[in-house]
Amino acid sequence: MRLLKVTEDLKIEILPETLLIPEFKNIIKRTKKCKEDHDGRQKLMAKKELAYVFHMASTEGPYASYTLFDRHIQLANDLFEDHTWQPDEEVKAGVERFKELNQTPSSQALNTIINALHKSNKIVDALINQIEQDLTDEKHKSGINNKKGQIVSGVELMLNDLQALLKVANEIPKSIDQYEKLDEKILKEKQAKASKYRGSAEINEFERS
């Protein structure tokens, strides 16, 4: 079943299937005003909120590679033009429901890879900063006593950090390759589902709400 569909300019397409999900229907049926929709009858705010739901919970789209915190900030700015905007309980429920219904073993693996890439980038940054600081402090000219009472040169310590940096950096392209393959697999799975459930039903209930 297709749940939500977002166009390239971030606009949501309300699908007939959307009204079958209580959490999504709760968002759609509300009447909320905004500057582009003064009486709320066009449901523009509902569409923005559903677009937020999609991008916060989906493994596809331009925000998929962001951390959840950064994703929220970007969406608050891009969709609502307000960096202080926060989702209410109905929108939060929509996000959780979308995650539940949209999750597959492939998407779970994709999320794991994304999280690993973010952590890898933080490790790389930390190691680079440490190496740069050690060079500034001329750590390579000194040495320390380890727990066994052995003298370890600063050069050896810095080489260990450098080897760790190279090891992490070497794993990143492999993870990216896995990410791209999984992303393509998920896209094909969703296209197959969309083709299976595609229909021409009109959203009469949405129009009446």
Protein backbone atom coordinates (compact mmCIF):
# COMPACT_ATOMS: atom_id res chain seq x y z
CA MET A 1 0.00 0.00 0.00
CA ARG A 2 1.23 3.48 -0.82
CA LEU A 3 1.02 5.61 2.30
CA LEU A 4 2.25 9.06 1.36
CA LYS A 5 3.75 10.51 -1.79
CA VAL A 6 5.79 13.70 -1.82
CA THR A 7 6.71 15.62 -4.96
CA GLU A 8 10.16 17.05 -5.64
CA ASP A 9 9.09 20.48 -4.36
CA LEU A 10 8.07 18.87 -1.02
CA LYS A 11 4.32 19.02 -1.66
CA ILE A 12 2.32 16.04 -0.41
CA GLU A 13 -0.05 14.13 -2.64
CA ILE A 14 -3.02 12.91 -0.64
CA LEU A 15 -3.69 9.36 -1.77
CA PRO A 16 -6.98 7.49 -1.23
CA GLU A 17 -5.12 4.93 0.87
CA THR A 18 -4.03 7.66 3.27
CA LEU A 19 -7.56 8.00 4.63
CA LEU A 20 -7.53 4.34 5.65
CA ILE A 21 -4.90 5.10 8.31
CA PRO A 22 -6.45 6.73 11.42
CA GLU A 23 -3.31 8.67 12.35
CA PHE A 24 -3.09 10.25 8.89
CA LYS A 25 -6.84 10.86 8.71
CA ASN A 26 -6.66 12.70 12.06
CA ILE A 27 -4.18 15.14 10.53
CA ILE A 28 -6.14 15.62 7.32
CA LYS A 29 -9.53 16.26 8.92
CA ARG A 30 -8.25 19.12 11.08
CA THR A 31 -8.86 22.68 9.94
CA LYS A 32 -5.72 24.73 10.46
CA LYS A 33 -5.14 28.18 9.04
CA CYS A 34 -1.90 29.41 7.53
CA LYS A 35 -0.87 32.44 5.50
CA GLU A 36 -1.52 30.63 2.19
CA ASP A 37 -4.84 29.16 3.40
CA HIS A 38 -6.66 31.73 5.54
CA ASP A 39 -9.68 29.60 6.42
CA GLY A 40 -7.93 26.21 6.37
CA ARG A 41 -10.34 24.71 3.84
CA GLN A 42 -7.57 23.93 1.33
CA LYS A 43 -5.87 21.72 3.94
CA LEU A 44 -2.47 23.23 3.13
CA MET A 45 -1.30 22.92 6.73
CA ALA A 46 -2.37 19.26 6.78
CA LYS A 47 -0.35 18.68 3.62
CA LYS A 48 2.69 20.32 5.18
CA GLU A 49 2.30 18.22 8.32
CA LEU A 50 1.99 15.04 6.29
CA ALA A 51 5.07 16.05 4.29
CA TYR A 52 6.86 16.41 7.63
CA VAL A 53 5.64 12.93 8.63
CA PHE A 54 6.94 11.48 5.39
CA HIS A 55 10.39 13.05 5.53
CA MET A 56 10.90 12.38 9.24
CA ALA A 57 10.04 8.71 8.90
CA SER A 58 11.05 7.80 5.36
CA THR A 59 14.33 6.35 4.09
CA GLU A 60 13.95 8.19 0.79
CA GLY A 61 13.95 11.82 -0.28
CA PRO A 62 16.39 14.72 0.14
CA TYR A 63 16.39 14.55 3.96
CA ALA A 64 17.06 10.83 4.37
CA SER A 65 20.79 11.25 5.02
CA TYR A 66 20.28 13.81 7.82
CA THR A 67 20.33 12.90 11.50
CA LEU A 68 16.84 13.08 13.02
CA PHE A 69 17.68 16.32 14.85
CA ASP A 70 19.05 18.03 11.73
CA ARG A 71 16.20 16.62 9.67
CA HIS A 72 13.64 18.20 11.98
CA ILE A 73 15.38 21.59 11.89
CA GLN A 74 15.59 21.58 8.09
CA LEU A 75 11.95 20.56 7.70
CA ALA A 76 10.76 23.18 10.18
CA ASN A 77 12.51 25.81 8.07
CA ASP A 78 11.65 24.43 4.63
CA LEU A 79 8.03 23.45 5.23
CA PHE A 80 6.87 25.90 7.89
CA GLU A 81 9.46 28.67 7.51
CA ASP A 82 9.85 28.60 11.29
CA HIS A 83 12.86 27.00 12.98
CA THR A 84 10.93 26.93 16.29
CA TRP A 85 8.05 24.87 14.86
CA GLN A 86 7.38 21.62 16.73
CA PRO A 87 5.06 18.73 15.81
CA ASP A 88 2.00 18.25 18.01
CA GLU A 89 0.85 14.87 19.32
CA GLU A 90 -1.16 14.03 16.18
CA VAL A 91 1.82 14.68 13.92
CA LYS A 92 4.13 12.68 16.20
CA ALA A 93 1.63 9.81 16.10
CA GLY A 94 1.65 10.06 12.29
CA VAL A 95 5.44 9.79 12.21
CA GLU A 96 5.44 6.68 14.40
CA ARG A 97 2.62 5.09 12.39
CA PHE A 98 4.43 5.75 9.11
CA LYS A 99 7.59 4.16 10.49
CA GLU A 100 5.62 1.12 11.62
CA LEU A 101 3.80 0.61 8.33
CA ASN A 102 6.69 1.53 6.04
CA GLN A 103 9.38 -0.50 7.73
CA THR A 104 10.86 -3.57 6.06
CA PRO A 105 14.00 -5.60 6.81
CA SER A 106 15.69 -3.62 4.02
CA SER A 107 14.69 -0.22 5.44
CA GLN A 108 15.80 -1.28 8.93
CA ALA A 109 19.19 -2.24 7.54
CA LEU A 110 19.34 1.07 5.67
CA ASN A 111 18.70 3.02 8.87
CA THR A 112 21.45 1.05 10.60
CA ILE A 113 23.90 1.95 7.84
CA ILE A 114 22.91 5.62 7.97
CA ASN A 115 23.46 5.70 11.72
CA ALA A 116 26.80 3.94 11.33
CA LEU A 117 27.91 6.48 8.71
CA HIS A 118 27.04 9.39 10.97
CA LYS A 119 29.00 7.81 13.83
CA SER A 120 31.92 7.05 11.51
CA ASN A 121 32.07 10.67 10.42
CA LYS A 122 32.15 11.78 14.07
CA ILE A 123 34.99 9.33 14.78
CA VAL A 124 36.95 10.58 11.77
CA ASP A 125 36.51 14.19 12.86
CA ALA A 126 37.59 13.37 16.41
CA LEU A 127 40.70 11.48 15.24
CA ILE A 128 41.69 14.26 12.82
CA ASN A 129 41.30 16.86 15.56
CA GLN A 130 43.37 14.73 17.94
CA ILE A 131 46.16 14.23 15.41
CA GLU A 132 46.24 17.93 14.57
CA GLN A 133 46.39 18.83 18.26
CA ASP A 134 49.19 16.29 18.86
CA LEU A 135 51.18 17.81 16.00
CA THR A 136 50.68 21.28 17.46
CA ASP A 137 51.81 20.00 20.87
CA GLU A 138 54.74 18.17 19.22
CA LYS A 139 53.64 14.95 20.85
CA HIS A 140 55.78 13.00 18.37
CA LYS A 141 58.88 14.33 20.16
CA SER A 142 57.88 12.92 23.54
CA GLY A 143 56.93 9.61 25.07
CA ILE A 144 54.83 8.16 27.89
CA ASN A 145 54.89 5.20 30.24
CA ASN A 146 52.06 2.77 29.55
CA LYS A 147 50.27 0.65 32.14
CA LYS A 148 52.99 -1.99 31.88
CA GLY A 149 55.70 0.53 32.66
CA GLN A 150 56.99 0.50 29.11
CA ILE A 151 58.00 3.71 27.38
CA VAL A 152 55.93 4.36 24.28
CA SER A 153 57.13 7.05 21.92
CA GLY A 154 54.90 9.87 20.80
CA VAL A 155 55.48 8.84 17.21
CA GLU A 156 54.10 5.37 17.95
CA LEU A 157 51.05 6.81 19.68
CA MET A 158 50.33 9.14 16.78
CA LEU A 159 50.80 6.32 14.28
CA ASN A 160 48.21 4.30 16.20
CA ASP A 161 45.73 7.17 15.87
CA LEU A 162 46.57 7.52 12.19
CA GLN A 163 46.04 3.79 11.59
CA ALA A 164 42.70 3.99 13.40
CA LEU A 165 41.73 6.95 11.21
CA LEU A 166 42.63 5.09 8.02
CA LYS A 167 40.75 2.00 9.18
CA VAL A 168 37.53 3.94 9.79
CA ALA A 169 37.94 5.92 6.57
CA ASN A 170 38.41 2.68 4.63
CA GLU A 171 35.09 1.31 5.92
CA ILE A 172 33.05 4.37 4.93
CA PRO A 173 33.06 3.71 1.13
CA LYS A 174 31.97 0.12 1.80
CA SER A 175 29.04 1.35 3.90
CA ILE A 176 28.10 3.89 1.24
CA ASP A 177 28.11 1.14 -1.39
CA GLN A 178 25.84 -0.99 0.82
CA TYR A 179 23.60 2.04 1.36
CA GLU A 180 23.22 2.68 -2.37
CA LYS A 181 22.42 -0.97 -3.11
CA LEU A 182 19.84 -1.15 -0.34
CA ASP A 183 18.32 2.18 -1.33
CA GLU A 184 17.87 0.92 -4.89
CA LYS A 185 16.35 -2.33 -3.60
CA ILE A 186 13.86 -0.47 -1.40
CA LEU A 187 12.88 1.82 -4.28
CA LYS A 188 12.13 -1.19 -6.49
CA GLU A 189 10.10 -2.80 -3.69
CA LYS A 190 8.01 0.35 -3.28
CA GLN A 191 7.51 0.76 -7.02
CA ALA A 192 6.24 -2.81 -7.19
CA LYS A 193 3.80 -2.17 -4.33
CA ALA A 194 2.63 1.10 -5.88
CA SER A 195 1.99 -0.66 -9.18
CA LYS A 196 0.04 -3.39 -7.42
CA TYR A 197 -2.21 -1.04 -5.48
CA ARG A 198 -2.49 1.79 -8.00
CA GLY A 199 -6.06 2.80 -8.62
CA SER A 200 -8.07 5.75 -9.79
CA ALA A 201 -10.21 6.34 -6.69
CA GLU A 202 -11.02 9.95 -5.83
CA ILE A 203 -10.61 11.29 -2.30
CA ASN A 204 -14.19 12.32 -1.78
CA GLU A 205 -13.95 12.12 1.99
CA PHE A 206 -10.94 14.43 1.99
CA GLU A 207 -12.78 16.93 -0.15
CA ARG A 208 -15.75 16.88 2.26
CA SER A 209 -13.68 17.22 5.44
